[in-house]
C-alpha atoms as a PDB file:
ATOM      1  CA  UNK A   1     -35.597  48.765  15.079  1.00  0.00           C
ATOM      2  CA  UNK A   2     -33.366  48.591  11.955  1.00  0.00           C
ATOM      3  CA  UNK A   3     -31.339  45.837  13.645  1.00  0.00           C
ATOM      4  CA  UNK A   4     -34.461  43.937  14.551  1.00  0.00           C
ATOM      5  CA  UNK A   5     -35.932  44.277  11.112  1.00  0.00           C
ATOM      6  CA  UNK A   6     -32.605  43.094   9.534  1.00  0.00           C
ATOM      7  CA  UNK A   7     -32.552  40.004  11.849  1.00  0.00           C
ATOM      8  CA  UNK A   8     -36.072  39.221  11.043  1.00  0.00           C
ATOM      9  CA  UNK A   9     -35.350  39.422   7.347  1.00  0.00           C
ATOM     10  CA  UNK A  10     -32.307  36.982   7.730  1.00  0.00           C
ATOM     11  CA  UNK A  11     -34.434  34.425   9.631  1.00  0.00           C
ATOM     12  CA  UNK A  12     -37.285  34.723   7.229  1.00  0.00           C
ATOM     13  CA  UNK A  13     -34.876  34.244   4.242  1.00  0.00           C
ATOM     14  CA  UNK A  14     -33.313  31.179   5.865  1.00  0.00           C
ATOM     15  CA  UNK A  15     -36.762  29.707   6.667  1.00  0.00           C
ATOM     16  CA  UNK A  16     -38.071  30.216   3.124  1.00  0.00           C
ATOM     17  CA  UNK A  17     -34.941  28.781   1.619  1.00  0.00           C
ATOM     18  CA  UNK A  18     -35.305  25.597   3.542  1.00  0.00           C
ATOM     19  CA  UNK A  19     -35.913  22.369   1.789  1.00  0.00           C
ATOM     20  CA  UNK A  20     -38.541  20.091   3.106  1.00  0.00           C
ATOM     21  CA  UNK A  21     -38.062  16.297   2.873  1.00  0.00           C
ATOM     22  CA  UNK A  22     -34.666  16.478   1.056  1.00  0.00           C
ATOM     23  CA  UNK A  23     -33.878  13.538  -1.115  1.00  0.00           C
ATOM     24  CA  UNK A  24     -30.412  12.570   0.501  1.00  0.00           C
ATOM     25  CA  UNK A  25     -28.742  12.524   3.778  1.00  0.00           C
ATOM     26  CA  UNK A  26     -25.983  15.052   4.421  1.00  0.00           C
ATOM     27  CA  UNK A  27     -24.212  12.499   6.574  1.00  0.00           C
ATOM     28  CA  UNK A  28     -24.277   9.185   4.867  1.00  0.00           C
ATOM     29  CA  UNK A  29     -25.323   6.205   7.140  1.00  0.00           C
ATOM     30  CA  UNK A  30     -22.437   4.080   8.442  1.00  0.00           C
ATOM     31  CA  UNK A  31     -22.141   0.976   6.347  1.00  0.00           C
ATOM     32  CA  UNK A  32     -21.487  -1.701   8.851  1.00  0.00           C
ATOM     33  CA  UNK A  33     -21.862  -0.257  12.362  1.00  0.00           C
ATOM     34  CA  UNK A  34     -24.123  -2.916  14.006  1.00  0.00           C
ATOM     35  CA  UNK A  35     -26.099  -0.187  15.800  1.00  0.00           C
ATOM     36  CA  UNK A  36     -26.795   1.992  12.712  1.00  0.00           C
ATOM     37  CA  UNK A  37     -30.492   2.255  11.695  1.00  0.00           C
ATOM     38  CA  UNK A  38     -30.872   0.697   8.269  1.00  0.00           C
ATOM     39  CA  UNK A  39     -32.739  -1.917   6.045  1.00  0.00           C
ATOM     40  CA  UNK A  40     -30.638  -5.162   5.999  1.00  0.00           C
ATOM     41  CA  UNK A  41     -30.675  -8.902   6.423  1.00  0.00           C
ATOM     42  CA  UNK A  42     -27.807 -11.251   7.379  1.00  0.00           C
ATOM     43  CA  UNK A  43     -27.360 -15.086   7.181  1.00  0.00           C
ATOM     44  CA  UNK A  44     -24.458 -15.899   9.331  1.00  0.00           C
ATOM     45  CA  UNK A  45     -22.606 -18.209  11.801  1.00  0.00           C
ATOM     46  CA  UNK A  46     -22.088 -17.188  15.405  1.00  0.00           C
ATOM     47  CA  UNK A  47     -19.672 -18.540  17.951  1.00  0.00           C
ATOM     48  CA  UNK A  48     -21.269 -17.251  21.314  1.00  0.00           C
ATOM     49  CA  UNK A  49     -21.794 -19.152  24.559  1.00  0.00           C
ATOM     50  CA  UNK A  50     -23.523 -17.624  27.531  1.00  0.00           C
ATOM     51  CA  UNK A  51     -25.012 -18.416  30.876  1.00  0.00           C
ATOM     52  CA  UNK A  52     -28.340 -19.685  29.245  1.00  0.00           C
ATOM     53  CA  UNK A  53     -26.326 -22.722  28.273  1.00  0.00           C
ATOM     54  CA  UNK A  54     -26.969 -22.472  24.544  1.00  0.00           C
ATOM     55  CA  UNK A  55     -24.280 -22.124  21.916  1.00  0.00           C
ATOM     56  CA  UNK A  56     -25.357 -20.013  18.950  1.00  0.00           C
ATOM     57  CA  UNK A  57     -24.845 -21.634  15.502  1.00  0.00           C
ATOM     58  CA  UNK A  58     -26.612 -20.443  12.365  1.00  0.00           C
ATOM     59  CA  UNK A  59     -28.298 -16.993  12.867  1.00  0.00           C
ATOM     60  CA  UNK A  60     -30.354 -14.654  10.786  1.00  0.00           C
ATOM     61  CA  UNK A  61     -30.240 -10.974  11.570  1.00  0.00           C
ATOM     62  CA  UNK A  62     -32.923  -8.612  10.364  1.00  0.00           C
ATOM     63  CA  UNK A  63     -32.921  -4.827  10.634  1.00  0.00           C
ATOM     64  CA  UNK A  64     -35.997  -2.798   9.603  1.00  0.00           C
ATOM     65  CA  UNK A  65     -35.517   1.095   9.849  1.00  0.00           C
ATOM     66  CA  UNK A  66     -33.443   3.916   8.491  1.00  0.00           C
ATOM     67  CA  UNK A  67     -32.770   7.662   8.679  1.00  0.00           C
ATOM     68  CA  UNK A  68     -35.402  10.212   7.411  1.00  0.00           C
ATOM     69  CA  UNK A  69     -34.194  13.711   6.566  1.00  0.00           C
ATOM     70  CA  UNK A  70     -36.976  16.302   7.440  1.00  0.00           C
ATOM     71  CA  UNK A  71     -35.630  19.724   6.534  1.00  0.00           C
ATOM     72  CA  UNK A  72     -32.411  21.142   5.142  1.00  0.00           C
ATOM     73  CA  UNK A  73     -30.979  24.602   4.685  1.00  0.00           C
ATOM     74  CA  UNK A  74     -27.776  25.934   3.291  1.00  0.00           C
ATOM     75  CA  UNK A  75     -25.509  24.562   0.519  1.00  0.00           C
ATOM     76  CA  UNK A  76     -22.643  22.054   0.708  1.00  0.00           C
ATOM     77  CA  UNK A  77     -20.304  24.520  -0.758  1.00  0.00           C
ATOM     78  CA  UNK A  78     -20.862  27.056   2.178  1.00  0.00           C
ATOM     79  CA  UNK A  79     -22.254  24.609   4.743  1.00  0.00           C
ATOM     80  CA  UNK A  80     -25.422  22.727   4.683  1.00  0.00           C
ATOM     81  CA  UNK A  81     -27.490  21.839   7.737  1.00  0.00           C
ATOM     82  CA  UNK A  82     -30.172  19.164   8.087  1.00  0.00           C
ATOM     83  CA  UNK A  83     -32.634  17.752  10.863  1.00  0.00           C
ATOM     84  CA  UNK A  84     -34.055  14.383  10.703  1.00  0.00           C
ATOM     85  CA  UNK A  85     -35.248  11.300  12.561  1.00  0.00           C
ATOM     86  CA  UNK A  86     -34.169   7.643  12.744  1.00  0.00           C
ATOM     87  CA  UNK A  87     -35.721   4.466  13.983  1.00  0.00           C
ATOM     88  CA  UNK A  88     -35.020   0.854  13.766  1.00  0.00           C
ATOM     89  CA  UNK A  89     -35.895  -2.668  14.992  1.00  0.00           C
ATOM     90  CA  UNK A  90     -32.992  -5.084  15.064  1.00  0.00           C
ATOM     91  CA  UNK A  91     -33.925  -8.715  15.378  1.00  0.00           C
ATOM     92  CA  UNK A  92     -31.916 -11.860  15.784  1.00  0.00           C
ATOM     93  CA  UNK A  93     -33.311 -15.296  14.883  1.00  0.00           C
ATOM     94  CA  UNK A  94     -31.842 -18.769  15.649  1.00  0.00           C
ATOM     95  CA  UNK A  95     -32.033 -20.818  12.473  1.00  0.00           C
ATOM     96  CA  UNK A  96     -30.802 -24.175  13.996  1.00  0.00           C
ATOM     97  CA  UNK A  97     -33.880 -24.655  16.038  1.00  0.00           C
ATOM     98  CA  UNK A  98     -36.855 -26.855  14.699  1.00  0.00           C
ATOM     99  CA  UNK A  99     -39.065 -23.691  14.485  1.00  0.00           C
ATOM    100  CA  UNK A 100     -37.868 -20.080  13.855  1.00  0.00           C
ATOM    101  CA  UNK A 101     -36.907 -18.742  17.203  1.00  0.00           C
ATOM    102  CA  UNK A 102     -36.457 -15.028  17.718  1.00  0.00           C
ATOM    103  CA  UNK A 103     -33.635 -14.629  20.360  1.00  0.00           C
ATOM    104  CA  UNK A 104     -33.828 -10.935  20.933  1.00  0.00           C
ATOM    105  CA  UNK A 105     -34.752  -7.585  19.461  1.00  0.00           C
ATOM    106  CA  UNK A 106     -33.455  -4.131  20.001  1.00  0.00           C
ATOM    107  CA  UNK A 107     -35.694  -1.037  19.321  1.00  0.00           C
ATOM    108  CA  UNK A 108     -34.214   2.454  18.849  1.00  0.00           C
ATOM    109  CA  UNK A 109     -35.376   5.878  18.108  1.00  0.00           C
ATOM    110  CA  UNK A 110     -33.133   8.902  17.422  1.00  0.00           C
ATOM    111  CA  UNK A 111     -33.135  12.606  16.520  1.00  0.00           C
ATOM    112  CA  UNK A 112     -30.388  13.541  14.051  1.00  0.00           C
ATOM    113  CA  UNK A 113     -28.740  16.979  13.400  1.00  0.00           C
ATOM    114  CA  UNK A 114     -26.212  16.822  10.505  1.00  0.00           C
ATOM    115  CA  UNK A 115     -23.751  19.194   8.694  1.00  0.00           C
ATOM    116  CA  UNK A 116     -21.780  19.059   5.554  1.00  0.00           C
ATOM    117  CA  UNK A 117     -19.324  21.208   3.861  1.00  0.00           C
ATOM    118  CA  UNK A 118     -17.503  20.009   0.806  1.00  0.00           C
ATOM    119  CA  UNK A 119     -15.447  16.962   1.970  1.00  0.00           C
ATOM    120  CA  UNK A 120     -16.386  17.386   5.640  1.00  0.00           C
ATOM    121  CA  UNK A 121     -19.561  16.076   7.333  1.00  0.00           C
ATOM    122  CA  UNK A 122     -20.822  15.587  11.002  1.00  0.00           C
ATOM    123  CA  UNK A 123     -23.762  14.124  12.788  1.00  0.00           C
ATOM    124  CA  UNK A 124     -25.040  14.680  16.308  1.00  0.00           C
ATOM    125  CA  UNK A 125     -27.710  12.248  17.441  1.00  0.00           C
ATOM    126  CA  UNK A 126     -29.722  11.832  20.570  1.00  0.00           C
ATOM    127  CA  UNK A 127     -31.292   8.392  20.858  1.00  0.00           C
ATOM    128  CA  UNK A 128     -33.006   5.792  22.953  1.00  0.00           C
ATOM    129  CA  UNK A 129     -32.508   2.056  22.888  1.00  0.00           C
ATOM    130  CA  UNK A 130     -34.553  -0.682  24.604  1.00  0.00           C
ATOM    131  CA  UNK A 131     -34.139  -4.483  24.429  1.00  0.00           C
ATOM    132  CA  UNK A 132     -36.456  -7.501  24.418  1.00  0.00           C
ATOM    133  CA  UNK A 133     -35.932 -11.275  24.600  1.00  0.00           C
ATOM    134  CA  UNK A 134     -38.006 -13.707  22.578  1.00  0.00           C
ATOM    135  CA  UNK A 135     -40.519 -15.968  24.532  1.00  0.00           C
ATOM    136  CA  UNK A 136     -39.586 -19.168  22.740  1.00  0.00           C
ATOM    137  CA  UNK A 137     -35.963 -18.422  23.390  1.00  0.00           C
ATOM    138  CA  UNK A 138     -36.598 -18.104  26.999  1.00  0.00           C
ATOM    139  CA  UNK A 139     -38.532 -21.243  27.092  1.00  0.00           C
ATOM    140  CA  UNK A 140     -35.844 -23.189  25.160  1.00  0.00           C
ATOM    141  CA  UNK A 141     -32.973 -21.867  27.237  1.00  0.00           C
ATOM    142  CA  UNK A 142     -34.235 -20.796  30.580  1.00  0.00           C
ATOM    143  CA  UNK A 143     -32.523 -17.546  29.952  1.00  0.00           C
ATOM    144  CA  UNK A 144     -34.231 -14.630  31.783  1.00  0.00           C
ATOM    145  CA  UNK A 145     -34.623 -11.173  30.207  1.00  0.00           C
ATOM    146  CA  UNK A 146     -33.206  -8.319  32.234  1.00  0.00           C
ATOM    147  CA  UNK A 147     -34.161  -4.657  31.766  1.00  0.00           C
ATOM    148  CA  UNK A 148     -31.916  -2.869  29.296  1.00  0.00           C
ATOM    149  CA  UNK A 149     -32.468   0.734  28.214  1.00  0.00           C
ATOM    150  CA  UNK A 150     -30.013   3.497  27.261  1.00  0.00           C
ATOM    151  CA  UNK A 151     -30.421   7.086  26.476  1.00  0.00           C
ATOM    152  CA  UNK A 152     -27.450   9.005  24.985  1.00  0.00           C
ATOM    153  CA  UNK A 153     -26.042  10.960  22.104  1.00  0.00           C
ATOM    154  CA  UNK A 154     -23.230  10.256  19.691  1.00  0.00           C
ATOM    155  CA  UNK A 155     -21.064  12.680  17.680  1.00  0.00           C
ATOM    156  CA  UNK A 156     -19.293  11.687  14.469  1.00  0.00           C
ATOM    157  CA  UNK A 157     -16.967  13.701  12.146  1.00  0.00           C
ATOM    158  CA  UNK A 158     -16.207  12.319   8.663  1.00  0.00           C
ATOM    159  CA  UNK A 159     -13.664  13.342   6.083  1.00  0.00           C
ATOM    160  CA  UNK A 160     -13.393  12.357   2.419  1.00  0.00           C
ATOM    161  CA  UNK A 161      -9.720  12.903   1.414  1.00  0.00           C
ATOM    162  CA  UNK A 162     -10.186  11.349  -2.042  1.00  0.00           C
ATOM    163  CA  UNK A 163     -13.174  10.317  -4.138  1.00  0.00           C
ATOM    164  CA  UNK A 164     -14.705   7.202  -2.601  1.00  0.00           C
ATOM    165  CA  UNK A 165     -12.885   7.161   0.595  1.00  0.00           C
ATOM    166  CA  UNK A 166     -14.469   8.291   3.957  1.00  0.00           C
ATOM    167  CA  UNK A 167     -12.884   8.171   7.345  1.00  0.00           C
ATOM    168  CA  UNK A 168     -14.747   9.094  10.529  1.00  0.00           C
ATOM    169  CA  UNK A 169     -14.382   9.131  14.274  1.00  0.00           C
ATOM    170  CA  UNK A 170     -16.182  10.325  17.294  1.00  0.00           C
ATOM    171  CA  UNK A 171     -17.998   8.477  20.157  1.00  0.00           C
ATOM    172  CA  UNK A 172     -21.106   8.061  22.351  1.00  0.00           C
ATOM    173  CA  UNK A 173     -22.038   9.279  25.837  1.00  0.00           C
ATOM    174  CA  UNK A 174     -24.682   7.580  27.781  1.00  0.00           C
ATOM    175  CA  UNK A 175     -26.564   9.817  30.309  1.00  0.00           C
ATOM    176  CA  UNK A 176     -29.047   7.308  31.443  1.00  0.00           C
ATOM    177  CA  UNK A 177     -28.492   3.530  31.519  1.00  0.00           C
ATOM    178  CA  UNK A 178     -30.087   0.457  32.954  1.00  0.00           C
ATOM    179  CA  UNK A 179     -28.311  -1.633  34.119  1.00  0.00           C
ATOM    180  CA  UNK A 180     -25.813   0.744  35.568  1.00  0.00           C
ATOM    181  CA  UNK A 181     -22.633  -1.353  34.588  1.00  0.00           C
ATOM    182  CA  UNK A 182     -23.145  -0.471  30.782  1.00  0.00           C
ATOM    183  CA  UNK A 183     -20.770   2.430  31.369  1.00  0.00           C
ATOM    184  CA  UNK A 184     -21.053   5.955  30.065  1.00  0.00           C
ATOM    185  CA  UNK A 185     -18.510   6.200  27.207  1.00  0.00           C
ATOM    186  CA  UNK A 186     -17.641   4.654  23.842  1.00  0.00           C
ATOM    187  CA  UNK A 187     -15.009   5.593  21.191  1.00  0.00           C
ATOM    188  CA  UNK A 188     -15.947   4.929  17.707  1.00  0.00           C
ATOM    189  CA  UNK A 189     -13.947   5.234  14.533  1.00  0.00           C
ATOM    190  CA  UNK A 190     -13.539   3.486  10.967  1.00  0.00           C
ATOM    191  CA  UNK A 191     -13.454   3.936   7.249  1.00  0.00           C
ATOM    192  CA  UNK A 192     -15.370   3.100   4.012  1.00  0.00           C
ATOM    193  CA  UNK A 193     -14.082   2.835   0.513  1.00  0.00           C
ATOM    194  CA  UNK A 194     -16.381   2.622  -2.638  1.00  0.00           C
ATOM    195  CA  UNK A 195     -14.395   2.602  -5.798  1.00  0.00           C
ATOM    196  CA  UNK A 196     -15.447   5.507  -7.805  1.00  0.00           C
ATOM    197  CA  UNK A 197     -15.226   3.606 -11.123  1.00  0.00           C
ATOM    198  CA  UNK A 198     -17.834   0.892 -11.621  1.00  0.00           C
ATOM    199  CA  UNK A 199     -16.599  -2.632 -12.212  1.00  0.00           C
ATOM    200  CA  UNK A 200     -19.597  -3.257 -14.352  1.00  0.00           C
ATOM    201  CA  UNK A 201     -22.591  -1.138 -15.049  1.00  0.00           C
ATOM    202  CA  UNK A 202     -23.776   0.312 -11.759  1.00  0.00           C
ATOM    203  CA  UNK A 203     -21.713  -2.154  -9.823  1.00  0.00           C
ATOM    204  CA  UNK A 204     -19.006  -0.791  -7.380  1.00  0.00           C
ATOM    205  CA  UNK A 205     -16.343  -2.456  -5.040  1.00  0.00           C
ATOM    206  CA  UNK A 206     -16.796  -1.677  -1.497  1.00  0.00           C
ATOM    207  CA  UNK A 207     -14.735  -2.295   1.573  1.00  0.00           C
ATOM    208  CA  UNK A 208     -15.401  -1.072   5.152  1.00  0.00           C
ATOM    209  CA  UNK A 209     -14.147  -1.242   8.703  1.00  0.00           C
ATOM    210  CA  UNK A 210     -15.822  -0.223  11.972  1.00  0.00           C
ATOM    211  CA  UNK A 211     -14.309  -0.110  15.454  1.00  0.00           C
ATOM    212  CA  UNK A 212     -15.784   0.566  18.897  1.00  0.00           C
ATOM    213  CA  UNK A 213     -14.157   0.687  22.322  1.00  0.00           C
ATOM    214  CA  UNK A 214     -16.563   0.526  25.180  1.00  0.00           C
ATOM    215  CA  UNK A 215     -15.790   1.622  28.749  1.00  0.00           C
ATOM    216  CA  UNK A 216     -17.594  -1.422  30.113  1.00  0.00           C
ATOM    217  CA  UNK A 217     -15.137  -3.639  28.411  1.00  0.00           C
ATOM    218  CA  UNK A 218     -11.947  -1.626  29.492  1.00  0.00           C
ATOM    219  CA  UNK A 219     -11.942  -0.208  25.873  1.00  0.00           C
ATOM    220  CA  UNK A 220     -11.068  -3.567  24.276  1.00  0.00           C
ATOM    221  CA  UNK A 221     -11.977  -3.202  20.634  1.00  0.00           C
ATOM    222  CA  UNK A 222     -15.230  -4.513  18.918  1.00  0.00           C
ATOM    223  CA  UNK A 223     -14.321  -4.842  15.326  1.00  0.00           C
ATOM    224  CA  UNK A 224     -16.445  -5.309  12.176  1.00  0.00           C
ATOM    225  CA  UNK A 225     -15.183  -5.698   8.554  1.00  0.00           C
ATOM    226  CA  UNK A 226     -16.855  -6.223   5.198  1.00  0.00           C
ATOM    227  CA  UNK A 227     -16.009  -6.542   1.577  1.00  0.00           C
ATOM    228  CA  UNK A 228     -18.483  -6.674  -1.208  1.00  0.00           C
ATOM    229  CA  UNK A 229     -20.383  -4.801  -4.035  1.00  0.00           C
ATOM    230  CA  UNK A 230     -22.695  -1.947  -4.145  1.00  0.00           C
ATOM    231  CA  UNK A 231     -25.348  -1.606  -6.923  1.00  0.00           C
ATOM    232  CA  UNK A 232     -26.645   1.872  -7.445  1.00  0.00           C
ATOM    233  CA  UNK A 233     -27.546   4.443 -10.013  1.00  0.00           C
ATOM    234  CA  UNK A 234     -25.030   7.315 -10.327  1.00  0.00           C
ATOM    235  CA  UNK A 235     -27.676  10.040  -9.665  1.00  0.00           C
ATOM    236  CA  UNK A 236     -28.895   9.178  -6.161  1.00  0.00           C
ATOM    237  CA  UNK A 237     -28.322   7.445  -2.873  1.00  0.00           C
ATOM    238  CA  UNK A 238     -30.613   4.464  -3.466  1.00  0.00           C
ATOM    239  CA  UNK A 239     -28.485   1.221  -3.409  1.00  0.00           C
ATOM    240  CA  UNK A 240     -28.338  -2.389  -2.687  1.00  0.00           C
ATOM    241  CA  UNK A 241     -25.223  -4.013  -1.187  1.00  0.00           C
ATOM    242  CA  UNK A 242     -24.149  -7.615  -0.878  1.00  0.00           C
ATOM    243  CA  UNK A 243     -21.283  -8.067   1.712  1.00  0.00           C
ATOM    244  CA  UNK A 244     -19.095 -10.769   3.291  1.00  0.00           C
ATOM    245  CA  UNK A 245     -19.138  -9.412   6.858  1.00  0.00           C
ATOM    246  CA  UNK A 246     -17.213 -10.461  10.032  1.00  0.00           C
ATOM    247  CA  UNK A 247     -17.418  -9.357  13.627  1.00  0.00           C
ATOM    248  CA  UNK A 248     -15.332 -10.024  16.810  1.00  0.00           C
ATOM    249  CA  UNK A 249     -15.878  -8.412  20.300  1.00  0.00           C
ATOM    250  CA  UNK A 250     -18.577  -8.228  22.943  1.00  0.00           C
ATOM    251  CA  UNK A 251     -22.046  -8.969  21.347  1.00  0.00           C
ATOM    252  CA  UNK A 252     -23.668  -6.015  19.673  1.00  0.00           C
ATOM    253  CA  UNK A 253     -26.982  -7.608  20.610  1.00  0.00           C
ATOM    254  CA  UNK A 254     -27.904  -5.776  23.929  1.00  0.00           C
ATOM    255  CA  UNK A 255     -29.303  -8.764  25.975  1.00  0.00           C
ATOM    256  CA  UNK A 256     -25.909 -10.461  25.526  1.00  0.00           C
ATOM    257  CA  UNK A 257     -23.702  -7.376  25.690  1.00  0.00           C
ATOM    258  CA  UNK A 258     -21.260  -8.895  28.178  1.00  0.00           C
ATOM    259  CA  UNK A 259     -20.685 -11.997  26.140  1.00  0.00           C
ATOM    260  CA  UNK A 260     -17.855 -12.338  23.677  1.00  0.00           C
ATOM    261  CA  UNK A 261     -18.973 -13.026  20.212  1.00  0.00           C
ATOM    262  CA  UNK A 262     -17.450 -13.988  16.798  1.00  0.00           C
ATOM    263  CA  UNK A 263     -19.526 -14.095  13.687  1.00  0.00           C
ATOM    264  CA  UNK A 264     -19.340 -14.031   9.882  1.00  0.00           C
ATOM    265  CA  UNK A 265     -21.891 -14.163   7.110  1.00  0.00           C
ATOM    266  CA  UNK A 266     -23.443 -12.832   4.029  1.00  0.00           C
ATOM    267  CA  UNK A 267     -25.320  -9.451   4.443  1.00  0.00           C
ATOM    268  CA  UNK A 268     -27.846  -7.685   2.057  1.00  0.00           C
ATOM    269  CA  UNK A 269     -28.374  -3.993   2.734  1.00  0.00           C
ATOM    270  CA  UNK A 270     -30.900  -1.617   1.119  1.00  0.00           C
ATOM    271  CA  UNK A 271     -30.477   2.176   1.074  1.00  0.00           C
ATOM    272  CA  UNK A 272     -33.288   4.569   0.142  1.00  0.00           C
END
């Protein structure tokens, strides 16, 4: 009985010390991973040609979503834990057409479990992704939508060796895919550097790289790089970024995942 009473006291103490709706994420969202849930908009130029017979030119990408921490317990000195949700809609618009044409949209939802202790942090996420093709795009190109759904989880571990620098690595495992040739594995790694000293008031230099190797592409790299500025207050995670961004590899837009794509453009990001 004494052991049971002690265990109940420990559990109760943990529950009462938990913070509901914490202000910041323990695992900071990845800056330029195309699949990350975030608020962003990009104006760019795509080099992509697929079986629909249409070469992409000027493109607008819009992502509406983000990560929402729900509950947190522990301290970052001894080890803090956080549970949260994330969701996003990522839309691609063709800007060279007479009217604004949505090419495709990816919808995602995830459950996050994060941990942080001093300079180390980690995130495990289970998620679902589905894909949709725009009606006007199908009419203009004759391209037919196919069923695309994935359920899987990703694991990432990050380390901050010096102030402002974070390196990370991990990967994804898909336990349910449609179509089946999507593969089941992906290796993921990269780094982000935000200069700890502002160039001007609340303005910081930032450079980022993100790399993915998919089983379905024989682990050839999908590479994203960005350089730009972050505007933020020093006492929180809210920020705005303006970036010059470039990408090469298989398309990050799921309806065209088997098509090689190059793009570059200007991106605005908003963090809350």
